[in-house]
C-alpha atoms as a PDB file:
ATOM      1  CA  MET A   1     103.415-113.696 153.651  1.00  0.00           C
ATOM      2  CA  ALA A   2     104.851-113.578 150.138  1.00  0.00           C
ATOM      3  CA  LEU A   3     103.957-117.177 149.237  1.00  0.00           C
ATOM      4  CA  LYS A   4     100.327-118.137 148.920  1.00  0.00           C
ATOM      5  CA  GLY A   5      98.903-121.645 149.203  1.00  0.00           C
ATOM      6  CA  GLY A   6      99.144-123.485 145.898  1.00  0.00           C
ATOM      7  CA  THR A   7     102.359-121.827 144.792  1.00  0.00           C
ATOM      8  CA  ARG A   8     104.036-123.791 142.010  1.00  0.00           C
ATOM      9  CA  PHE A   9     107.800-124.059 142.148  1.00  0.00           C
ATOM     10  CA  SER A  10     109.771-124.868 138.990  1.00  0.00           C
ATOM     11  CA  VAL A  11     111.828-128.051 139.247  1.00  0.00           C
ATOM     12  CA  ARG A  12     114.054-129.979 136.909  1.00  0.00           C
ATOM     13  CA  PHE A  13     112.900-133.439 135.802  1.00  0.00           C
ATOM     14  CA  GLU A  14     116.213-134.995 136.875  1.00  0.00           C
ATOM     15  CA  ASP A  15     115.805-133.590 140.377  1.00  0.00           C
ATOM     16  CA  VAL A  16     112.372-135.202 140.787  1.00  0.00           C
ATOM     17  CA  PHE A  17     113.142-138.461 138.984  1.00  0.00           C
ATOM     18  CA  PRO A  18     116.961-138.931 139.113  1.00  0.00           C
ATOM     19  CA  ALA A  19     116.677-142.527 137.864  1.00  0.00           C
ATOM     20  CA  GLY A  20     113.943-141.725 135.353  1.00  0.00           C
ATOM     21  CA  CYS A  21     110.312-142.854 135.163  1.00  0.00           C
ATOM     22  CA  ALA A  22     108.069-145.028 133.042  1.00  0.00           C
ATOM     23  CA  LEU A  23     104.432-144.538 132.108  1.00  0.00           C
ATOM     24  CA  VAL A  24     101.932-146.848 133.772  1.00  0.00           C
ATOM     25  CA  PRO A  25     100.012-148.473 130.879  1.00  0.00           C
ATOM     26  CA  ASP A  26      96.656-146.855 130.004  1.00  0.00           C
ATOM     27  CA  SER A  27      97.027-144.237 132.741  1.00  0.00           C
ATOM     28  CA  ILE A  28      96.624-141.002 130.768  1.00  0.00           C
ATOM     29  CA  VAL A  29      93.152-139.741 131.647  1.00  0.00           C
ATOM     30  CA  GLU A  30      91.344-136.439 131.574  1.00  0.00           C
ATOM     31  CA  ALA A  31      91.374-134.879 135.037  1.00  0.00           C
ATOM     32  CA  GLN A  32      87.907-134.138 136.427  1.00  0.00           C
ATOM     33  CA  ASP A  33      86.601-131.460 138.786  1.00  0.00           C
ATOM     34  CA  TYR A  34      83.663-132.281 141.059  1.00  0.00           C
ATOM     35  CA  ASN A  35      81.011-129.693 141.875  1.00  0.00           C
ATOM     36  CA  GLU A  36      79.611-130.302 145.367  1.00  0.00           C
ATOM     37  CA  VAL A  37      76.468-128.262 144.625  1.00  0.00           C
ATOM     38  CA  THR A  38      75.449-129.879 141.310  1.00  0.00           C
ATOM     39  CA  LYS A  39      77.137-133.250 142.006  1.00  0.00           C
ATOM     40  CA  ALA A  40      78.430-133.089 138.434  1.00  0.00           C
ATOM     41  CA  ARG A  41      81.927-133.860 137.119  1.00  0.00           C
ATOM     42  CA  THR A  42      83.426-131.594 134.489  1.00  0.00           C
ATOM     43  CA  PRO A  43      86.777-131.620 132.659  1.00  0.00           C
ATOM     44  CA  ALA A  44      89.410-129.968 134.839  1.00  0.00           C
ATOM     45  CA  VAL A  45      90.984-126.736 133.642  1.00  0.00           C
ATOM     46  CA  ASP A  46      94.299-125.312 134.908  1.00  0.00           C
ATOM     47  CA  LYS A  47      93.495-122.324 137.131  1.00  0.00           C
ATOM     48  CA  LEU A  48      96.559-120.377 135.909  1.00  0.00           C
ATOM     49  CA  THR A  49      96.504-121.119 132.159  1.00  0.00           C
ATOM     50  CA  GLY A  50      92.896-122.058 131.405  1.00  0.00           C
ATOM     51  CA  VAL A  51      94.125-125.187 129.539  1.00  0.00           C
ATOM     52  CA  ARG A  52      92.654-128.656 130.022  1.00  0.00           C
ATOM     53  CA  VAL A  53      94.389-130.933 132.537  1.00  0.00           C
ATOM     54  CA  TRP A  54      95.290-134.596 132.095  1.00  0.00           C
ATOM     55  CA  THR A  55      96.563-136.964 134.750  1.00  0.00           C
ATOM     56  CA  VAL A  56      99.285-139.519 134.012  1.00  0.00           C
ATOM     57  CA  ARG A  57     100.608-142.115 136.383  1.00  0.00           C
ATOM     58  CA  VAL A  58     104.280-143.034 136.254  1.00  0.00           C
ATOM     59  CA  SER A  59     106.519-145.508 138.023  1.00  0.00           C
ATOM     60  CA  ASP A  60     109.547-143.895 139.635  1.00  0.00           C
ATOM     61  CA  LEU A  61     112.605-146.006 138.676  1.00  0.00           C
ATOM     62  CA  ASP A  62     114.685-144.960 141.702  1.00  0.00           C
ATOM     63  CA  PRO A  63     116.160-148.207 143.146  1.00  0.00           C
ATOM     64  CA  ASP A  64     116.499-146.545 146.598  1.00  0.00           C
ATOM     65  CA  LEU A  65     112.707-146.486 147.043  1.00  0.00           C
ATOM     66  CA  ALA A  66     112.798-150.190 148.035  1.00  0.00           C
ATOM     67  CA  GLY A  67     109.434-151.154 149.501  1.00  0.00           C
ATOM     68  CA  ARG A  68     107.832-147.710 149.288  1.00  0.00           C
ATOM     69  CA  SER A  69     105.287-146.853 146.618  1.00  0.00           C
ATOM     70  CA  ARG A  70     106.876-146.032 143.293  1.00  0.00           C
ATOM     71  CA  GLU A  71     103.774-144.732 141.583  1.00  0.00           C
ATOM     72  CA  VAL A  72     103.392-140.961 141.178  1.00  0.00           C
ATOM     73  CA  ALA A  73     100.659-138.944 139.472  1.00  0.00           C
ATOM     74  CA  VAL A  74     101.654-135.938 137.332  1.00  0.00           C
ATOM     75  CA  LYS A  75      99.101-133.428 135.995  1.00  0.00           C
ATOM     76  CA  ILE A  76      99.770-132.220 132.465  1.00  0.00           C
ATOM     77  CA  SER A  77      98.256-129.014 131.102  1.00  0.00           C
ATOM     78  CA  SER A  78      97.548-129.508 127.395  1.00  0.00           C
ATOM     79  CA  PRO A  79      94.701-128.620 125.036  1.00  0.00           C
ATOM     80  CA  VAL A  80      94.794-132.228 123.711  1.00  0.00           C
ATOM     81  CA  GLN A  81      95.474-135.589 125.339  1.00  0.00           C
ATOM     82  CA  PRO A  82      99.217-136.312 125.534  1.00  0.00           C
ATOM     83  CA  VAL A  83     100.263-139.496 123.666  1.00  0.00           C
ATOM     84  CA  PRO A  84     103.571-141.357 124.188  1.00  0.00           C
ATOM     85  CA  ASP A  85     105.919-141.450 121.165  1.00  0.00           C
ATOM     86  CA  ASN A  86     106.316-145.227 121.181  1.00  0.00           C
ATOM     87  CA  GLY A  87     103.656-147.830 121.754  1.00  0.00           C
ATOM     88  CA  THR A  88     105.447-149.853 124.395  1.00  0.00           C
ATOM     89  CA  PRO A  89     103.459-150.515 127.613  1.00  0.00           C
ATOM     90  CA  PHE A  90     106.048-149.036 129.974  1.00  0.00           C
ATOM     91  CA  ALA A  91     107.433-146.167 127.872  1.00  0.00           C
ATOM     92  CA  LEU A  92     110.281-144.234 129.484  1.00  0.00           C
ATOM     93  CA  VAL A  93     109.372-140.548 129.519  1.00  0.00           C
ATOM     94  CA  GLU A  94     110.828-137.236 130.609  1.00  0.00           C
ATOM     95  CA  PHE A  95     108.499-134.430 131.708  1.00  0.00           C
ATOM     96  CA  GLU A  96     108.899-130.881 130.392  1.00  0.00           C
ATOM     97  CA  GLY A  97     108.037-127.674 132.258  1.00  0.00           C
ATOM     98  CA  MET A  98     107.728-129.381 135.632  1.00  0.00           C
ATOM     99  CA  THR A  99     106.497-127.670 138.762  1.00  0.00           C
ATOM    100  CA  VAL A 100     105.891-128.913 142.288  1.00  0.00           C
ATOM    101  CA  THR A 101     103.420-127.688 144.917  1.00  0.00           C
ATOM    102  CA  PRO A 102     104.125-128.887 148.458  1.00  0.00           C
ATOM    103  CA  TYR A 103     101.127-129.376 150.745  1.00  0.00           C
ATOM    104  CA  VAL A 104     100.122-131.131 153.938  1.00  0.00           C
ATOM    105  CA  GLY A 105      98.271-134.361 153.086  1.00  0.00           C
ATOM    106  CA  PRO A 106      95.297-135.882 154.871  1.00  0.00           C
ATOM    107  CA  THR A 107      97.562-137.854 157.230  1.00  0.00           C
ATOM    108  CA  GLY A 108      99.398-134.678 158.279  1.00  0.00           C
ATOM    109  CA  ARG A 109     102.515-135.562 156.290  1.00  0.00           C
ATOM    110  CA  LEU A 110     104.229-133.381 153.711  1.00  0.00           C
ATOM    111  CA  ALA A 111     103.147-134.318 150.173  1.00  0.00           C
ATOM    112  CA  TYR A 112     103.802-132.973 146.687  1.00  0.00           C
ATOM    113  CA  SER A 113     101.647-132.239 143.683  1.00  0.00           C
ATOM    114  CA  TYR A 114     103.530-132.471 140.380  1.00  0.00           C
ATOM    115  CA  ARG A 115     102.575-130.702 137.164  1.00  0.00           C
ATOM    116  CA  ALA A 116     104.130-130.504 133.718  1.00  0.00           C
ATOM    117  CA  THR A 117     103.479-128.952 130.342  1.00  0.00           C
ATOM    118  CA  GLY A 118     104.200-132.185 128.473  1.00  0.00           C
ATOM    119  CA  PHE A 119     106.484-135.179 128.119  1.00  0.00           C
ATOM    120  CA  ARG A 120     108.738-136.804 125.597  1.00  0.00           C
ATOM    121  CA  SER A 121     110.348-140.214 125.181  1.00  0.00           C
ATOM    122  CA  SER A 122     113.467-140.780 127.241  1.00  0.00           C
ATOM    123  CA  GLN A 123     116.424-143.112 127.193  1.00  0.00           C
ATOM    124  CA  PRO A 124     117.315-145.302 130.181  1.00  0.00           C
ATOM    125  CA  ALA A 125     119.421-143.456 132.789  1.00  0.00           C
ATOM    126  CA  ARG A 126     123.115-144.257 132.558  1.00  0.00           C
ATOM    127  CA  LYS A 127     125.089-145.171 135.612  1.00  0.00           C
ATOM    128  CA  ALA A 128     128.085-143.031 136.472  1.00  0.00           C
ATOM    129  CA  ALA A 129     131.427-144.701 135.763  1.00  0.00           C
END
């Protein structure tokens, strides 16, 4: 098989979040790896790039989600902690260098792991005329 487990597929931000997304306040944290043998947690490092990994939670602004969960976690590979440009609690952001890895979750349903190389401030999505 040409594709191995954990393959990262490049995706465009607007394909993942067509209505945009907003940072969940105080949600940018350093990702941690857990060692079963030593029972110790260590800062996570991206297996492909060797760069530190941060996890940020965002709220998907898609109105079609209705009652389903809107919160999504995105892992960002960066040597330093990403910081939003503006200090507002729910800053609108756009991810750069996005990838997605599909996998089967613990309930047997298809799930997605999102990664990015960074983010920048975004403007609210405009409705088509």
